[in-house]
């Protein structure tokens, strides 16, 4: 005779349990950055944002002036 399938709730609980076991295993493999690396990367990102913002502002001002000059 064939074996009876287990209840859907039992299968779901096993699947969820397996997911969390794999999640725990994968999180052990993660190499977390040090506080110094986080500060360094954060300062790089903030600097890049400021520089790109300034570049976009300059381009916007330049194009605005150019279009105002053309339309006069």
Protein backbone atom coordinates (compact mmCIF):
# COMPACT_ATOMS: atom_id res chain seq x y z
CA UNK A 1 0.00 0.00 0.00
CA UNK A 2 1.07 3.57 -0.59
CA UNK A 3 1.95 5.74 2.34
CA UNK A 4 -0.54 8.37 3.36
CA UNK A 5 0.43 11.99 2.60
CA UNK A 6 0.97 14.09 5.68
CA UNK A 7 -1.35 16.95 6.49
CA UNK A 8 -0.87 20.25 4.60
CA UNK A 9 -0.17 22.05 7.88
CA UNK A 10 2.53 19.53 8.82
CA UNK A 11 4.18 19.93 5.39
CA UNK A 12 3.98 23.72 5.65
CA UNK A 13 5.53 23.68 9.14
CA UNK A 14 8.38 21.48 7.89
CA UNK A 15 8.96 23.80 4.93
CA UNK A 16 9.04 26.88 7.16
CA UNK A 17 11.39 25.14 9.59
CA UNK A 18 13.68 24.14 6.73
CA UNK A 19 13.70 27.70 5.44
CA UNK A 20 14.82 29.08 8.80
CA UNK A 21 17.50 26.40 9.19
CA UNK A 22 18.92 27.35 5.77
CA UNK A 23 18.64 31.04 6.62
CA UNK A 24 20.64 30.55 9.82
CA UNK A 25 23.25 28.56 7.91
CA UNK A 26 23.63 31.28 5.27
CA UNK A 27 23.82 34.09 7.84
CA UNK A 28 26.81 32.34 9.43
CA UNK A 29 28.66 32.73 6.11
CA UNK A 30 28.12 36.51 5.90
CA UNK A 31 31.22 38.65 6.41
CA UNK A 32 30.01 41.82 8.11
CA UNK A 33 31.97 45.05 7.51
CA UNK A 34 33.76 46.74 10.37
CA UNK A 35 32.58 50.08 11.77
CA UNK A 36 35.52 51.80 10.07
CA UNK A 37 34.53 50.34 6.68
CA UNK A 38 30.93 51.44 7.18
CA UNK A 39 31.99 55.01 8.04
CA UNK A 40 34.36 55.10 5.05
CA UNK A 41 31.74 53.82 2.61
CA UNK A 42 29.12 56.18 4.02
CA UNK A 43 31.40 59.19 3.57
CA UNK A 44 32.17 58.13 -0.01
CA UNK A 45 28.45 57.85 -0.81
CA UNK A 46 27.61 61.20 0.79
CA UNK A 47 30.50 62.90 -1.06
CA UNK A 48 29.38 61.40 -4.38
CA UNK A 49 25.79 62.54 -3.78
CA UNK A 50 26.92 66.10 -2.99
CA UNK A 51 29.19 66.25 -6.05
CA UNK A 52 26.52 64.86 -8.38
CA UNK A 53 23.95 67.24 -6.91
CA UNK A 54 26.28 70.18 -7.51
CA UNK A 55 26.93 69.02 -11.08
CA UNK A 56 23.22 68.69 -11.81
CA UNK A 57 22.57 72.13 -10.26
CA UNK A 58 25.29 73.68 -12.44
CA UNK A 59 23.92 72.01 -15.57
CA UNK A 60 20.40 73.14 -14.67
CA UNK A 61 21.54 76.71 -14.14
CA UNK A 62 23.55 76.63 -17.38
CA UNK A 63 20.68 75.31 -19.48
CA UNK A 64 18.25 77.73 -17.85
CA UNK A 65 20.54 80.64 -18.71
CA UNK A 66 21.06 79.34 -22.24
CA UNK A 67 17.33 78.97 -22.90
CA UNK A 68 16.62 82.40 -21.39
CA UNK A 69 19.27 83.90 -23.70
CA UNK A 70 17.86 82.07 -26.77
CA UNK A 71 14.26 83.14 -26.05
CA UNK A 72 15.13 86.83 -25.68
